Amino acid sequence: MLMSLATLLICITELVYQALKARIAWKWRRKIIPWFYYSSLGNRHRPFGPVTDITGLLSAIFQRILKRAWHIILERLGIEGWLEDV
């Protein structure tokens, strides 16, 4: 469970660092879902975030949710020995 939390925190920290470095802005474009866009002149209309970074963040979020659900299921079934190993 600590690994999934660590992975999530590392992904968030990396994306925040990249966002601060790239000076992004939150914009609504084409009346679709809002997203972060680069604010520099050369990249003004380019969305922020490589596909691999966004996929890694979503994977870390789902891993954290599923891991917590697994712990709750094991706890309700009364299987105590598995909680330390998983």
C-alpha atoms as a PDB file:
ATOM      1  CA  MET A   1       0.000   0.000   0.000  1.00  0.00           C
ATOM      2  CA  LEU A   2       2.912   2.330   0.622  1.00  0.00           C
ATOM      3  CA  MET A   3       4.260   1.703  -2.859  1.00  0.00           C
ATOM      4  CA  SER A   4       0.998   2.791  -4.498  1.00  0.00           C
ATOM      5  CA  LEU A   5       0.960   5.950  -2.373  1.00  0.00           C
ATOM      6  CA  ALA A   6       4.613   6.656  -3.183  1.00  0.00           C
ATOM      7  CA  THR A   7       3.962   6.154  -6.901  1.00  0.00           C
ATOM      8  CA  LEU A   8       1.018   8.527  -6.824  1.00  0.00           C
ATOM      9  CA  LEU A   9       2.979  11.210  -4.966  1.00  0.00           C
ATOM     10  CA  ILE A  10       5.952  10.902  -7.318  1.00  0.00           C
ATOM     11  CA  CYS A  11       3.705  11.236 -10.394  1.00  0.00           C
ATOM     12  CA  ILE A  12       1.958  14.291  -8.979  1.00  0.00           C
ATOM     13  CA  THR A  13       5.245  15.899  -7.940  1.00  0.00           C
ATOM     14  CA  GLU A  14       6.774  15.318 -11.367  1.00  0.00           C
ATOM     15  CA  LEU A  15       3.783  16.801 -13.196  1.00  0.00           C
ATOM     16  CA  VAL A  16       3.673  19.839 -10.890  1.00  0.00           C
ATOM     17  CA  TYR A  17       7.394  20.430 -11.438  1.00  0.00           C
ATOM     18  CA  GLN A  18       6.979  20.198 -15.212  1.00  0.00           C
ATOM     19  CA  ALA A  19       3.946  22.500 -15.089  1.00  0.00           C
ATOM     20  CA  LEU A  20       5.790  25.155 -13.107  1.00  0.00           C
ATOM     21  CA  LYS A  21       8.788  24.898 -15.394  1.00  0.00           C
ATOM     22  CA  ALA A  22       6.661  25.210 -18.563  1.00  0.00           C
ATOM     23  CA  ARG A  23       4.426  28.019 -17.159  1.00  0.00           C
ATOM     24  CA  ILE A  24       1.121  26.491 -18.164  1.00  0.00           C
ATOM     25  CA  ALA A  25      -2.359  28.025 -18.054  1.00  0.00           C
ATOM     26  CA  TRP A  26      -5.821  26.518 -17.478  1.00  0.00           C
ATOM     27  CA  LYS A  27      -7.984  27.177 -20.559  1.00  0.00           C
ATOM     28  CA  TRP A  28     -11.296  26.197 -22.090  1.00  0.00           C
ATOM     29  CA  ARG A  29     -10.828  25.413 -25.774  1.00  0.00           C
ATOM     30  CA  ARG A  30     -13.422  24.434 -28.365  1.00  0.00           C
ATOM     31  CA  LYS A  31     -16.113  23.975 -25.719  1.00  0.00           C
ATOM     32  CA  ILE A  32     -14.740  20.630 -24.608  1.00  0.00           C
ATOM     33  CA  ILE A  33     -13.138  19.490 -21.392  1.00  0.00           C
ATOM     34  CA  PRO A  34     -10.838  22.186 -19.965  1.00  0.00           C
ATOM     35  CA  TRP A  35      -7.133  21.403 -19.876  1.00  0.00           C
ATOM     36  CA  PHE A  36      -3.735  22.893 -19.177  1.00  0.00           C
ATOM     37  CA  TYR A  37      -2.043  24.590 -22.127  1.00  0.00           C
ATOM     38  CA  TYR A  38       1.430  26.028 -22.578  1.00  0.00           C
ATOM     39  CA  SER A  39       1.440  29.806 -22.210  1.00  0.00           C
ATOM     40  CA  SER A  40       4.576  30.566 -24.249  1.00  0.00           C
ATOM     41  CA  LEU A  41       4.163  32.159 -27.662  1.00  0.00           C
ATOM     42  CA  GLY A  42       5.520  29.223 -29.674  1.00  0.00           C
ATOM     43  CA  ASN A  43       3.381  26.605 -27.904  1.00  0.00           C
ATOM     44  CA  ARG A  44       0.268  28.627 -27.103  1.00  0.00           C
ATOM     45  CA  HIS A  45      -2.270  26.118 -28.430  1.00  0.00           C
ATOM     46  CA  ARG A  46      -0.432  22.934 -27.489  1.00  0.00           C
ATOM     47  CA  PRO A  47      -1.901  20.982 -24.549  1.00  0.00           C
ATOM     48  CA  PHE A  48       0.352  20.257 -21.591  1.00  0.00           C
ATOM     49  CA  GLY A  49       1.367  16.780 -20.565  1.00  0.00           C
ATOM     50  CA  PRO A  50       2.896  13.955 -22.555  1.00  0.00           C
ATOM     51  CA  VAL A  51       0.669  10.922 -22.958  1.00  0.00           C
ATOM     52  CA  THR A  52       3.064   8.807 -20.886  1.00  0.00           C
ATOM     53  CA  ASP A  53       2.913  11.180 -17.914  1.00  0.00           C
ATOM     54  CA  ILE A  54      -0.889  11.413 -17.961  1.00  0.00           C
ATOM     55  CA  THR A  55      -1.157   7.632 -18.330  1.00  0.00           C
ATOM     56  CA  GLY A  56       1.241   7.155 -15.428  1.00  0.00           C
ATOM     57  CA  LEU A  57      -0.794   9.496 -13.231  1.00  0.00           C
ATOM     58  CA  LEU A  58      -4.084   7.779 -14.079  1.00  0.00           C
ATOM     59  CA  SER A  59      -2.520   4.362 -13.494  1.00  0.00           C
ATOM     60  CA  ALA A  60      -1.208   5.460 -10.100  1.00  0.00           C
ATOM     61  CA  ILE A  61      -4.626   6.806  -9.101  1.00  0.00           C
ATOM     62  CA  PHE A  62      -6.408   3.593 -10.119  1.00  0.00           C
ATOM     63  CA  GLN A  63      -3.739   1.473  -8.438  1.00  0.00           C
ATOM     64  CA  ARG A  64      -4.242   3.387  -5.191  1.00  0.00           C
ATOM     65  CA  ILE A  65      -8.034   3.017  -5.351  1.00  0.00           C
ATOM     66  CA  LEU A  66      -7.942  -0.702  -6.175  1.00  0.00           C
ATOM     67  CA  LYS A  67      -5.309  -1.424  -3.532  1.00  0.00           C
ATOM     68  CA  ARG A  68      -7.424   0.290  -0.867  1.00  0.00           C
ATOM     69  CA  ALA A  69     -10.522  -1.610  -2.006  1.00  0.00           C
ATOM     70  CA  TRP A  70      -8.562  -4.881  -1.772  1.00  0.00           C
ATOM     71  CA  HIS A  71      -7.534  -4.048   1.797  1.00  0.00           C
ATOM     72  CA  ILE A  72     -11.135  -3.297   2.763  1.00  0.00           C
ATOM     73  CA  ILE A  73     -12.337  -6.597   1.275  1.00  0.00           C
ATOM     74  CA  LEU A  74      -9.663  -8.579   3.115  1.00  0.00           C
ATOM     75  CA  GLU A  75     -10.434  -6.767   6.343  1.00  0.00           C
ATOM     76  CA  ARG A  76     -14.166  -7.540   6.078  1.00  0.00           C
ATOM     77  CA  LEU A  77     -13.470 -11.200   5.331  1.00  0.00           C
ATOM     78  CA  GLY A  78     -11.335 -11.375   8.441  1.00  0.00           C
ATOM     79  CA  ILE A  79      -8.120 -12.316   6.679  1.00  0.00           C
ATOM     80  CA  GLU A  80      -5.639 -10.464   8.844  1.00  0.00           C
ATOM     81  CA  GLY A  81      -2.379 -12.112   7.775  1.00  0.00           C
ATOM     82  CA  TRP A  82      -2.652 -10.831   4.196  1.00  0.00           C
ATOM     83  CA  LEU A  83      -2.779  -7.166   5.160  1.00  0.00           C
ATOM     84  CA  GLU A  84       0.900  -7.045   6.094  1.00  0.00           C
ATOM     85  CA  ASP A  85       2.037  -8.963   3.012  1.00  0.00           C
ATOM     86  CA  VAL A  86       0.037  -7.116   0.367  1.00  0.00           C
END
